[in-house]
N, C-alpha and C. Protein backbone atom coordinates (compact mmCIF):
# COMPACT_ATOMS: atom_id res chain seq x y z
N UNK A 1 0.83 -1.20 0.00
CA UNK A 1 0.00 0.00 0.00
C UNK A 1 0.87 1.27 0.00
N UNK A 2 1.96 1.25 0.78
CA UNK A 2 2.82 2.42 0.83
C UNK A 2 3.50 2.67 -0.51
N UNK A 3 3.82 1.61 -1.20
CA UNK A 3 4.44 1.79 -2.52
C UNK A 3 3.47 2.47 -3.47
N UNK A 4 2.20 2.05 -3.44
CA UNK A 4 1.19 2.69 -4.29
C UNK A 4 1.02 4.16 -3.93
N UNK A 5 1.00 4.45 -2.64
CA UNK A 5 0.83 5.84 -2.21
C UNK A 5 2.01 6.69 -2.66
N UNK A 6 3.23 6.19 -2.49
CA UNK A 6 4.41 6.94 -2.93
C UNK A 6 4.43 7.12 -4.44
N UNK A 7 4.02 6.08 -5.18
CA UNK A 7 3.96 6.19 -6.64
C UNK A 7 2.93 7.24 -7.05
N UNK A 8 1.79 7.24 -6.39
CA UNK A 8 0.74 8.23 -6.71
C UNK A 8 1.22 9.64 -6.42
N UNK A 9 1.92 9.83 -5.31
CA UNK A 9 2.43 11.17 -4.98
C UNK A 9 3.48 11.61 -5.99
N UNK A 10 4.42 10.73 -6.31
CA UNK A 10 5.47 11.07 -7.27
C UNK A 10 4.88 11.36 -8.65
N UNK A 11 3.92 10.55 -9.08
CA UNK A 11 3.30 10.75 -10.39
C UNK A 11 2.50 12.05 -10.40
N UNK A 12 1.84 12.38 -9.29
CA UNK A 12 1.07 13.62 -9.21
C UNK A 12 2.00 14.83 -9.31
N UNK A 13 3.12 14.80 -8.63
CA UNK A 13 4.08 15.90 -8.70
C UNK A 13 4.62 16.03 -10.13
N UNK A 14 4.92 14.89 -10.76
CA UNK A 14 5.41 14.92 -12.15
C UNK A 14 4.37 15.53 -13.08
N UNK A 15 3.12 15.09 -12.97
CA UNK A 15 2.08 15.60 -13.86
C UNK A 15 1.80 17.07 -13.58
N UNK A 16 1.84 17.45 -12.33
CA UNK A 16 1.66 18.86 -11.96
C UNK A 16 2.72 19.73 -12.64
N UNK A 17 3.98 19.30 -12.58
CA UNK A 17 5.07 20.05 -13.21
C UNK A 17 4.91 20.10 -14.73
N UNK A 18 4.56 18.98 -15.33
CA UNK A 18 4.37 18.95 -16.78
C UNK A 18 3.20 19.85 -17.18
N UNK A 19 2.13 19.80 -16.41
CA UNK A 19 0.95 20.63 -16.71
C UNK A 19 1.29 22.12 -16.65
N UNK A 20 1.97 22.53 -15.61
CA UNK A 20 2.34 23.95 -15.51
C UNK A 20 3.28 24.36 -16.62
N UNK A 21 4.19 23.48 -17.00
CA UNK A 21 5.11 23.78 -18.10
C UNK A 21 4.36 23.94 -19.40
N UNK A 22 3.42 23.03 -19.68
CA UNK A 22 2.65 23.11 -20.93
C UNK A 22 1.76 24.34 -20.93
N UNK A 23 1.12 24.64 -19.80
CA UNK A 23 0.22 25.79 -19.76
C UNK A 23 0.95 27.12 -19.87
N UNK A 24 2.21 27.16 -19.49
CA UNK A 24 3.01 28.39 -19.64
C UNK A 24 3.46 28.59 -21.08
N UNK A 25 3.65 27.50 -21.79
CA UNK A 25 4.14 27.58 -23.16
C UNK A 25 3.02 27.60 -24.18
N UNK A 26 3.39 27.25 -25.38
CA UNK A 26 2.45 27.22 -26.50
C UNK A 26 1.58 25.98 -26.40
N UNK A 27 0.28 26.18 -26.38
CA UNK A 27 -0.65 25.06 -26.27
C UNK A 27 -0.98 24.54 -27.67
N UNK A 28 -0.61 23.30 -27.92
CA UNK A 28 -0.89 22.68 -29.21
C UNK A 28 -1.75 21.44 -28.97
N UNK A 29 -2.25 20.88 -30.04
CA UNK A 29 -3.04 19.65 -29.94
C UNK A 29 -2.19 18.53 -29.34
N UNK A 30 -0.94 18.47 -29.74
CA UNK A 30 -0.05 17.42 -29.24
C UNK A 30 0.13 17.54 -27.73
N UNK A 31 0.38 18.74 -27.23
CA UNK A 31 0.59 18.90 -25.79
C UNK A 31 -0.69 18.67 -25.00
N UNK A 32 -1.83 19.06 -25.53
CA UNK A 32 -3.10 18.84 -24.82
C UNK A 32 -3.44 17.35 -24.78
N UNK A 33 -3.21 16.63 -25.87
CA UNK A 33 -3.45 15.19 -25.88
C UNK A 33 -2.52 14.49 -24.90
N UNK A 34 -1.27 14.91 -24.85
CA UNK A 34 -0.33 14.34 -23.89
C UNK A 34 -0.80 14.59 -22.46
N UNK A 35 -1.25 15.80 -22.17
CA UNK A 35 -1.75 16.10 -20.82
C UNK A 35 -2.99 15.27 -20.49
N UNK A 36 -3.90 15.13 -21.44
CA UNK A 36 -5.09 14.29 -21.20
C UNK A 36 -4.69 12.85 -20.87
N UNK A 37 -3.71 12.34 -21.59
CA UNK A 37 -3.24 10.99 -21.33
C UNK A 37 -2.59 10.85 -19.97
N UNK A 38 -1.76 11.81 -19.60
CA UNK A 38 -1.09 11.75 -18.30
C UNK A 38 -2.07 11.89 -17.14
N UNK A 39 -3.00 12.83 -17.25
CA UNK A 39 -4.00 12.97 -16.19
C UNK A 39 -4.90 11.75 -16.12
N UNK A 40 -5.23 11.16 -17.27
CA UNK A 40 -6.02 9.92 -17.27
C UNK A 40 -5.29 8.78 -16.59
N UNK A 41 -3.98 8.70 -16.82
CA UNK A 41 -3.19 7.65 -16.16
C UNK A 41 -3.23 7.82 -14.65
N UNK A 42 -3.14 9.06 -14.18
CA UNK A 42 -3.18 9.30 -12.74
C UNK A 42 -4.57 9.00 -12.17
N UNK A 43 -5.60 9.46 -12.83
CA UNK A 43 -6.96 9.26 -12.32
C UNK A 43 -7.31 7.78 -12.25
N UNK A 44 -6.98 7.04 -13.28
CA UNK A 44 -7.33 5.62 -13.26
C UNK A 44 -6.41 4.81 -12.36
N UNK A 45 -5.22 5.35 -12.03
CA UNK A 45 -4.38 4.68 -11.05
C UNK A 45 -5.02 4.76 -9.67
N UNK A 46 -5.78 5.82 -9.42
CA UNK A 46 -6.41 5.96 -8.11
C UNK A 46 -7.42 4.85 -7.82
N UNK A 47 -7.97 4.23 -8.87
CA UNK A 47 -8.89 3.11 -8.66
C UNK A 47 -8.19 1.88 -8.09
N UNK A 48 -6.87 1.86 -8.14
CA UNK A 48 -6.13 0.75 -7.54
C UNK A 48 -6.26 0.75 -6.02
N UNK A 49 -6.65 1.88 -5.45
CA UNK A 49 -6.80 1.97 -4.00
C UNK A 49 -8.17 1.49 -3.54
N UNK A 50 -9.13 1.38 -4.46
CA UNK A 50 -10.49 0.99 -4.09
C UNK A 50 -10.66 -0.50 -4.31
N UNK A 51 -11.04 -1.21 -3.28
CA UNK A 51 -11.24 -2.65 -3.36
C UNK A 51 -12.61 -3.00 -2.80
N UNK A 52 -13.65 -3.04 -3.65
CA UNK A 52 -15.00 -3.31 -3.14
C UNK A 52 -15.16 -4.76 -2.68
N UNK A 53 -16.11 -4.97 -1.79
CA UNK A 53 -16.38 -6.32 -1.29
C UNK A 53 -17.13 -7.16 -2.33
N UNK A 54 -17.91 -6.52 -3.17
CA UNK A 54 -18.69 -7.22 -4.18
C UNK A 54 -17.76 -7.60 -5.35
N UNK A 55 -17.68 -8.89 -5.67
CA UNK A 55 -16.77 -9.36 -6.71
C UNK A 55 -17.15 -8.81 -8.09
N UNK A 56 -18.45 -8.71 -8.38
CA UNK A 56 -18.88 -8.20 -9.68
C UNK A 56 -18.46 -6.73 -9.84
N UNK A 57 -18.62 -5.95 -8.79
CA UNK A 57 -18.21 -4.55 -8.84
C UNK A 57 -16.69 -4.44 -8.95
N UNK A 58 -15.98 -5.31 -8.26
CA UNK A 58 -14.53 -5.33 -8.35
C UNK A 58 -14.07 -5.60 -9.78
N UNK A 59 -14.68 -6.57 -10.44
CA UNK A 59 -14.31 -6.89 -11.82
C UNK A 59 -14.70 -5.78 -12.79
N UNK A 60 -15.82 -5.11 -12.53
CA UNK A 60 -16.20 -3.99 -13.37
C UNK A 60 -15.14 -2.91 -13.32
N UNK A 61 -14.71 -2.51 -12.13
CA UNK A 61 -13.66 -1.51 -12.00
C UNK A 61 -12.35 -2.00 -12.60
N UNK A 62 -12.05 -3.26 -12.39
CA UNK A 62 -10.79 -3.81 -12.88
C UNK A 62 -10.73 -3.73 -14.40
N UNK A 63 -11.81 -4.15 -15.07
CA UNK A 63 -11.80 -4.12 -16.54
C UNK A 63 -11.78 -2.69 -17.06
N UNK A 64 -12.46 -1.78 -16.38
CA UNK A 64 -12.43 -0.40 -16.83
C UNK A 64 -11.04 0.19 -16.69
N UNK A 65 -10.37 -0.10 -15.59
CA UNK A 65 -9.02 0.40 -15.42
C UNK A 65 -8.10 -0.17 -16.50
N UNK A 66 -8.17 -1.47 -16.73
CA UNK A 66 -7.30 -2.11 -17.72
C UNK A 66 -7.59 -1.56 -19.12
N UNK A 67 -8.85 -1.54 -19.50
CA UNK A 67 -9.18 -1.10 -20.86
C UNK A 67 -8.94 0.39 -21.07
N UNK A 68 -9.33 1.20 -20.12
CA UNK A 68 -9.17 2.63 -20.33
C UNK A 68 -7.69 3.01 -20.26
N UNK A 69 -6.91 2.31 -19.48
CA UNK A 69 -5.47 2.56 -19.51
C UNK A 69 -4.88 2.21 -20.86
N UNK A 70 -5.21 1.05 -21.39
CA UNK A 70 -4.60 0.61 -22.64
C UNK A 70 -5.18 1.36 -23.84
N UNK A 71 -6.49 1.35 -23.98
CA UNK A 71 -7.09 1.96 -25.17
C UNK A 71 -7.34 3.45 -25.04
N UNK A 72 -7.26 3.96 -23.85
CA UNK A 72 -7.50 5.38 -23.69
C UNK A 72 -6.26 6.14 -23.32
N UNK A 73 -5.66 5.77 -22.22
CA UNK A 73 -4.60 6.58 -21.65
C UNK A 73 -3.27 6.37 -22.34
N UNK A 74 -2.78 5.14 -22.39
CA UNK A 74 -1.45 4.90 -22.95
C UNK A 74 -1.43 5.14 -24.45
N UNK A 75 -2.54 4.91 -25.09
CA UNK A 75 -2.60 5.18 -26.53
C UNK A 75 -2.55 6.69 -26.81
N UNK A 76 -3.16 7.49 -25.93
CA UNK A 76 -3.06 8.94 -26.08
C UNK A 76 -1.63 9.42 -25.88
N UNK A 77 -0.98 8.88 -24.86
CA UNK A 77 0.40 9.27 -24.58
C UNK A 77 1.31 8.88 -25.74
N UNK A 78 1.15 7.65 -26.22
CA UNK A 78 1.99 7.19 -27.33
C UNK A 78 1.72 7.99 -28.60
N UNK A 79 0.46 8.27 -28.90
CA UNK A 79 0.14 9.04 -30.10
C UNK A 79 0.69 10.46 -30.02
N UNK A 80 0.64 11.07 -28.84
CA UNK A 80 1.17 12.43 -28.68
C UNK A 80 2.68 12.44 -28.84
N UNK A 81 3.36 11.46 -28.24
CA UNK A 81 4.81 11.39 -28.38
C UNK A 81 5.20 11.13 -29.83
N UNK A 82 4.47 10.25 -30.49
CA UNK A 82 4.75 9.95 -31.90
C UNK A 82 4.51 11.19 -32.76
N UNK A 83 3.43 11.92 -32.49
CA UNK A 83 3.15 13.14 -33.25
C UNK A 83 4.26 14.17 -33.07
N UNK A 84 4.72 14.33 -31.84
CA UNK A 84 5.80 15.28 -31.57
C UNK A 84 7.06 14.90 -32.35
N UNK A 85 7.43 13.62 -32.29
CA UNK A 85 8.63 13.18 -33.01
C UNK A 85 8.47 13.33 -34.51
N UNK A 86 7.29 13.03 -35.03
CA UNK A 86 7.09 13.15 -36.48
C UNK A 86 7.14 14.61 -36.93
N UNK A 87 6.67 15.51 -36.09
CA UNK A 87 6.77 16.94 -36.43
C UNK A 87 8.24 17.35 -36.50
N UNK A 88 9.01 16.92 -35.51
CA UNK A 88 10.42 17.33 -35.45
C UNK A 88 11.30 16.61 -36.47
N UNK A 89 11.02 15.34 -36.71
CA UNK A 89 11.90 14.55 -37.57
C UNK A 89 11.59 14.66 -39.05
N UNK A 90 10.31 14.74 -39.39
CA UNK A 90 9.95 14.70 -40.80
C UNK A 90 9.78 16.08 -41.42
N UNK A 91 9.49 17.08 -40.59
CA UNK A 91 9.26 18.41 -41.14
C UNK A 91 7.91 18.56 -41.81
N UNK A 92 7.04 17.57 -41.65
CA UNK A 92 5.69 17.65 -42.21
C UNK A 92 4.91 18.70 -41.42
N UNK A 93 4.01 19.38 -42.09
CA UNK A 93 3.24 20.46 -41.48
C UNK A 93 2.50 19.97 -40.23
N UNK A 94 2.51 20.79 -39.20
CA UNK A 94 1.86 20.46 -37.93
C UNK A 94 0.36 20.19 -38.11
N UNK A 95 -0.30 20.93 -38.99
CA UNK A 95 -1.75 20.75 -39.19
C UNK A 95 -2.07 19.34 -39.68
N UNK A 96 -1.25 18.81 -40.56
CA UNK A 96 -1.47 17.46 -41.09
C UNK A 96 -1.36 16.44 -39.96
N UNK A 97 -0.32 16.56 -39.16
CA UNK A 97 -0.10 15.61 -38.08
C UNK A 97 -1.20 15.74 -37.02
N UNK A 98 -1.65 16.96 -36.74
CA UNK A 98 -2.70 17.14 -35.74
C UNK A 98 -4.03 16.57 -36.21
N UNK A 99 -4.32 16.64 -37.51
CA UNK A 99 -5.55 16.02 -38.02
C UNK A 99 -5.50 14.51 -37.85
N UNK A 100 -4.36 13.91 -38.14
CA UNK A 100 -4.19 12.47 -37.91
C UNK A 100 -4.37 12.15 -36.44
N UNK A 101 -3.82 12.99 -35.59
CA UNK A 101 -3.91 12.77 -34.15
C UNK A 101 -5.36 12.81 -33.68
N UNK A 102 -6.14 13.75 -34.18
CA UNK A 102 -7.57 13.80 -33.84
C UNK A 102 -8.27 12.49 -34.20
N UNK A 103 -8.02 12.00 -35.39
CA UNK A 103 -8.67 10.76 -35.85
C UNK A 103 -8.27 9.58 -34.96
N UNK A 104 -6.98 9.44 -34.69
CA UNK A 104 -6.51 8.31 -33.90
C UNK A 104 -7.03 8.38 -32.47
N UNK A 105 -6.98 9.54 -31.86
CA UNK A 105 -7.47 9.70 -30.49
C UNK A 105 -8.98 9.43 -30.41
N UNK A 106 -9.73 10.01 -31.33
CA UNK A 106 -11.17 9.80 -31.33
C UNK A 106 -11.54 8.34 -31.52
N UNK A 107 -10.89 7.69 -32.46
CA UNK A 107 -11.21 6.29 -32.73
C UNK A 107 -10.77 5.38 -31.59
N UNK A 108 -9.62 5.68 -30.97
CA UNK A 108 -9.16 4.82 -29.88
C UNK A 108 -10.07 4.94 -28.66
N UNK A 109 -10.51 6.14 -28.34
CA UNK A 109 -11.42 6.30 -27.20
C UNK A 109 -12.78 5.68 -27.48
N UNK A 110 -13.30 5.89 -28.69
CA UNK A 110 -14.61 5.36 -29.07
C UNK A 110 -14.61 3.83 -29.04
N UNK A 111 -13.63 3.22 -29.70
CA UNK A 111 -13.61 1.75 -29.75
C UNK A 111 -13.19 1.15 -28.42
N UNK A 112 -12.30 1.80 -27.70
CA UNK A 112 -11.82 1.26 -26.43
C UNK A 112 -12.87 1.25 -25.35
N UNK A 113 -13.62 2.34 -25.24
CA UNK A 113 -14.64 2.40 -24.19
C UNK A 113 -15.78 1.43 -24.45
N UNK A 114 -16.25 1.39 -25.69
CA UNK A 114 -17.33 0.44 -25.99
C UNK A 114 -16.84 -0.99 -26.07
N UNK A 115 -15.56 -1.18 -26.41
CA UNK A 115 -15.00 -2.53 -26.48
C UNK A 115 -14.87 -3.20 -25.13
N UNK A 116 -14.93 -2.42 -24.07
CA UNK A 116 -14.87 -2.99 -22.72
C UNK A 116 -16.06 -3.90 -22.46
N UNK A 117 -17.14 -3.69 -23.17
CA UNK A 117 -18.36 -4.47 -22.96
C UNK A 117 -18.20 -5.96 -23.17
N UNK A 118 -17.16 -6.41 -23.88
CA UNK A 118 -17.03 -7.85 -24.06
C UNK A 118 -16.59 -8.56 -22.77
N UNK A 119 -16.25 -7.82 -21.74
CA UNK A 119 -15.91 -8.42 -20.45
C UNK A 119 -17.12 -8.46 -19.50
N UNK A 120 -18.23 -7.86 -19.91
CA UNK A 120 -19.36 -7.75 -19.00
C UNK A 120 -20.12 -9.05 -18.80
N UNK A 121 -19.79 -10.07 -19.58
CA UNK A 121 -20.46 -11.37 -19.42
C UNK A 121 -20.35 -11.87 -17.99
N UNK A 122 -19.21 -11.64 -17.37
CA UNK A 122 -18.91 -12.20 -16.05
C UNK A 122 -19.57 -11.45 -14.92
N UNK A 123 -20.13 -10.28 -15.19
CA UNK A 123 -20.73 -9.53 -14.09
C UNK A 123 -22.24 -9.40 -14.22
N UNK A 124 -22.84 -10.11 -15.16
CA UNK A 124 -24.30 -10.19 -15.24
C UNK A 124 -25.00 -9.02 -15.89
N UNK A 125 -24.37 -8.36 -16.83
CA UNK A 125 -25.03 -7.25 -17.53
C UNK A 125 -25.93 -7.80 -18.63
N UNK A 126 -26.79 -6.96 -19.20
CA UNK A 126 -27.66 -7.43 -20.29
C UNK A 126 -26.86 -7.96 -21.48
N UNK A 127 -27.48 -8.86 -22.21
CA UNK A 127 -26.79 -9.57 -23.28
C UNK A 127 -26.34 -8.67 -24.43
N UNK A 128 -27.03 -7.56 -24.65
CA UNK A 128 -26.63 -6.70 -25.78
C UNK A 128 -25.22 -6.14 -25.59
N UNK A 129 -24.72 -6.06 -24.36
CA UNK A 129 -23.36 -5.58 -24.13
C UNK A 129 -22.32 -6.53 -24.71
N UNK A 130 -22.64 -7.81 -24.80
CA UNK A 130 -21.70 -8.78 -25.36
C UNK A 130 -21.47 -8.49 -26.83
N UNK A 131 -22.57 -8.17 -27.55
CA UNK A 131 -22.44 -7.89 -28.99
C UNK A 131 -21.75 -6.55 -29.22
N UNK A 132 -22.14 -5.55 -28.44
CA UNK A 132 -21.48 -4.23 -28.57
C UNK A 132 -20.00 -4.36 -28.25
N UNK A 133 -19.70 -5.04 -27.15
CA UNK A 133 -18.31 -5.21 -26.74
C UNK A 133 -17.50 -5.99 -27.76
N UNK A 134 -18.08 -7.06 -28.31
CA UNK A 134 -17.36 -7.86 -29.29
C UNK A 134 -17.09 -7.07 -30.57
N UNK A 135 -18.07 -6.34 -31.04
CA UNK A 135 -17.91 -5.56 -32.27
C UNK A 135 -16.83 -4.49 -32.11
N UNK A 136 -16.91 -3.73 -31.03
CA UNK A 136 -15.95 -2.64 -30.86
C UNK A 136 -14.59 -3.13 -30.38
N UNK A 137 -14.56 -4.31 -29.77
CA UNK A 137 -13.28 -4.89 -29.39
C UNK A 137 -12.47 -5.26 -30.62
N UNK A 138 -13.15 -5.70 -31.66
CA UNK A 138 -12.47 -6.00 -32.93
C UNK A 138 -11.88 -4.72 -33.52
N UNK A 139 -12.58 -3.61 -33.33
CA UNK A 139 -12.14 -2.33 -33.91
C UNK A 139 -11.02 -1.67 -33.10
N UNK A 140 -10.68 -2.22 -31.94
CA UNK A 140 -9.65 -1.60 -31.09
C UNK A 140 -8.26 -1.61 -31.73
N UNK A 141 -8.01 -2.50 -32.66
CA UNK A 141 -6.69 -2.53 -33.30
C UNK A 141 -6.57 -1.49 -34.41
N UNK A 142 -7.68 -0.92 -34.86
CA UNK A 142 -7.65 0.03 -35.96
C UNK A 142 -6.81 1.27 -35.64
N UNK A 143 -6.93 1.89 -34.44
CA UNK A 143 -6.07 3.05 -34.17
C UNK A 143 -4.58 2.71 -34.20
N UNK A 144 -4.22 1.51 -33.73
CA UNK A 144 -2.81 1.12 -33.79
C UNK A 144 -2.36 0.96 -35.23
N UNK A 145 -3.20 0.36 -36.06
CA UNK A 145 -2.87 0.22 -37.47
C UNK A 145 -2.80 1.59 -38.14
N UNK A 146 -3.70 2.50 -37.74
CA UNK A 146 -3.66 3.86 -38.29
C UNK A 146 -2.35 4.56 -37.91
N UNK A 147 -1.86 4.30 -36.69
CA UNK A 147 -0.58 4.90 -36.29
C UNK A 147 0.56 4.37 -37.15
N UNK A 148 0.51 3.09 -37.49
CA UNK A 148 1.55 2.51 -38.35
C UNK A 148 1.51 3.19 -39.72
N UNK A 149 0.32 3.25 -40.32
CA UNK A 149 0.19 3.90 -41.62
C UNK A 149 0.62 5.36 -41.56
N UNK A 150 0.19 6.03 -40.51
CA UNK A 150 0.48 7.44 -40.30
C UNK A 150 1.99 7.67 -40.25
N UNK A 151 2.68 6.91 -39.44
CA UNK A 151 4.13 7.11 -39.27
C UNK A 151 4.87 6.84 -40.57
N UNK A 152 4.60 5.70 -41.21
CA UNK A 152 5.31 5.37 -42.44
C UNK A 152 4.98 6.35 -43.57
N UNK A 153 3.73 6.74 -43.67
CA UNK A 153 3.33 7.67 -44.72
C UNK A 153 4.02 9.02 -44.54
N UNK A 154 4.04 9.53 -43.31
CA UNK A 154 4.63 10.85 -43.08
C UNK A 154 6.14 10.83 -43.27
N UNK A 155 6.79 9.75 -42.85
CA UNK A 155 8.24 9.65 -43.07
C UNK A 155 8.52 9.55 -44.56
N UNK A 156 7.73 8.77 -45.28
CA UNK A 156 7.91 8.64 -46.73
C UNK A 156 7.61 9.96 -47.43
N UNK A 157 6.54 10.64 -47.01
CA UNK A 157 6.14 11.89 -47.64
C UNK A 157 7.18 12.99 -47.44
N UNK A 158 7.84 13.00 -46.30
CA UNK A 158 8.81 14.06 -46.03
C UNK A 158 10.02 13.94 -46.94
N UNK A 159 10.44 12.72 -47.25
CA UNK A 159 11.60 12.51 -48.09
C UNK A 159 12.89 13.03 -47.46
N UNK A 160 12.85 13.26 -46.18
CA UNK A 160 13.98 13.84 -45.46
C UNK A 160 14.85 12.74 -44.86
N UNK A 161 16.14 12.86 -45.04
CA UNK A 161 17.07 11.90 -44.44
C UNK A 161 17.59 12.51 -43.15
N UNK A 162 16.90 12.22 -42.07
CA UNK A 162 17.24 12.84 -40.78
C UNK A 162 18.47 12.15 -40.17
N UNK A 163 19.39 12.92 -39.59
CA UNK A 163 20.61 12.30 -39.04
C UNK A 163 20.36 11.47 -37.77
N UNK A 164 19.26 11.71 -37.06
CA UNK A 164 18.97 10.95 -35.84
C UNK A 164 18.22 9.68 -36.21
N UNK A 165 18.97 8.65 -36.58
CA UNK A 165 18.36 7.39 -37.03
C UNK A 165 17.62 6.66 -35.91
N UNK A 166 18.12 6.78 -34.67
CA UNK A 166 17.48 6.09 -33.54
C UNK A 166 16.07 6.63 -33.31
N UNK A 167 15.91 7.94 -33.35
CA UNK A 167 14.59 8.53 -33.15
C UNK A 167 13.66 8.17 -34.32
N UNK A 168 14.21 8.15 -35.51
CA UNK A 168 13.39 7.79 -36.67
C UNK A 168 12.95 6.33 -36.59
N UNK A 169 13.86 5.46 -36.18
CA UNK A 169 13.49 4.05 -36.04
C UNK A 169 12.47 3.85 -34.93
N UNK A 170 12.57 4.60 -33.83
CA UNK A 170 11.56 4.50 -32.78
C UNK A 170 10.22 4.96 -33.31
N UNK A 171 10.23 6.04 -34.08
CA UNK A 171 8.98 6.58 -34.62
C UNK A 171 8.29 5.59 -35.55
N UNK A 172 9.05 4.73 -36.19
CA UNK A 172 8.47 3.72 -37.07
C UNK A 172 8.22 2.40 -36.33
N UNK A 173 9.10 2.04 -35.41
CA UNK A 173 9.00 0.75 -34.75
C UNK A 173 7.98 0.69 -33.63
N UNK A 174 7.81 1.79 -32.90
CA UNK A 174 6.89 1.77 -31.77
C UNK A 174 5.44 1.50 -32.19
N UNK A 175 4.91 2.17 -33.21
CA UNK A 175 3.54 1.83 -33.60
C UNK A 175 3.42 0.43 -34.19
N UNK A 176 4.47 -0.05 -34.85
CA UNK A 176 4.42 -1.41 -35.39
C UNK A 176 4.32 -2.43 -34.25
N UNK A 177 5.17 -2.25 -33.24
CA UNK A 177 5.15 -3.18 -32.11
C UNK A 177 3.84 -3.06 -31.31
N UNK A 178 3.31 -1.84 -31.20
CA UNK A 178 2.02 -1.66 -30.50
C UNK A 178 0.91 -2.35 -31.26
N UNK A 179 0.96 -2.27 -32.59
CA UNK A 179 -0.06 -2.96 -33.39
C UNK A 179 0.01 -4.47 -33.20
N UNK A 180 1.22 -5.03 -33.25
CA UNK A 180 1.33 -6.48 -33.06
C UNK A 180 0.97 -6.87 -31.64
N UNK A 181 1.21 -6.00 -30.68
CA UNK A 181 0.81 -6.27 -29.31
C UNK A 181 -0.69 -6.24 -29.13
N UNK A 182 -1.35 -5.39 -29.90
CA UNK A 182 -2.82 -5.29 -29.79
C UNK A 182 -3.45 -6.51 -30.43
C-alpha cells in the first residue's frame, strides 16, 4: 500500500510540473493530448486503492481500469509522443499531423470504451453488451494500425534523411510493435 501511495504522490508531482510547463508555453493539440493521457493515467491509477467487497463490482472496476489505460490513456500518450517526433523529424506540417492525431485519439477512445463491454459477461449485464463489446473490441486494433500507416506515410512523404536514425526508427518501430501487441 505504501508503494502505491508513494507512486501516486510522485506521479502527481510529475504531472503537476508537466501541466504547468505546458500551460506556460504554447498550447498545441499534441501537448493537450499528452496532458489528457497523463492525467487519465493518474486518475485511473487511483482506482487501484479501491477494493470493493462485491466481486462483480470489483471486476467492473478492474476491466475499466485495464481497458481505459490501454485503449484510452497509454494510446493517447503514445500518439502524442509519436506526433511530436514526427513533427520534429519529418518536417511535415503540424496541421497534417494534428488532423491524424484527432482521428486516432477519437477512434481509440470510441472503440476502447465500448469494447470494454465484451468483459461484461462475467458480471451479469444485459446480453446486448456482449455484442457491442465484441464488435468494438475487434475495432480496437484500428487506431494502432492507423498509427503505423500514419508514421510510415509521413516519413515517406517528407523525403527527409534525418541524421537521428534512432529517433526515426523508434517513430516507425513503436507503432508497429504496439499494433502487433494489440
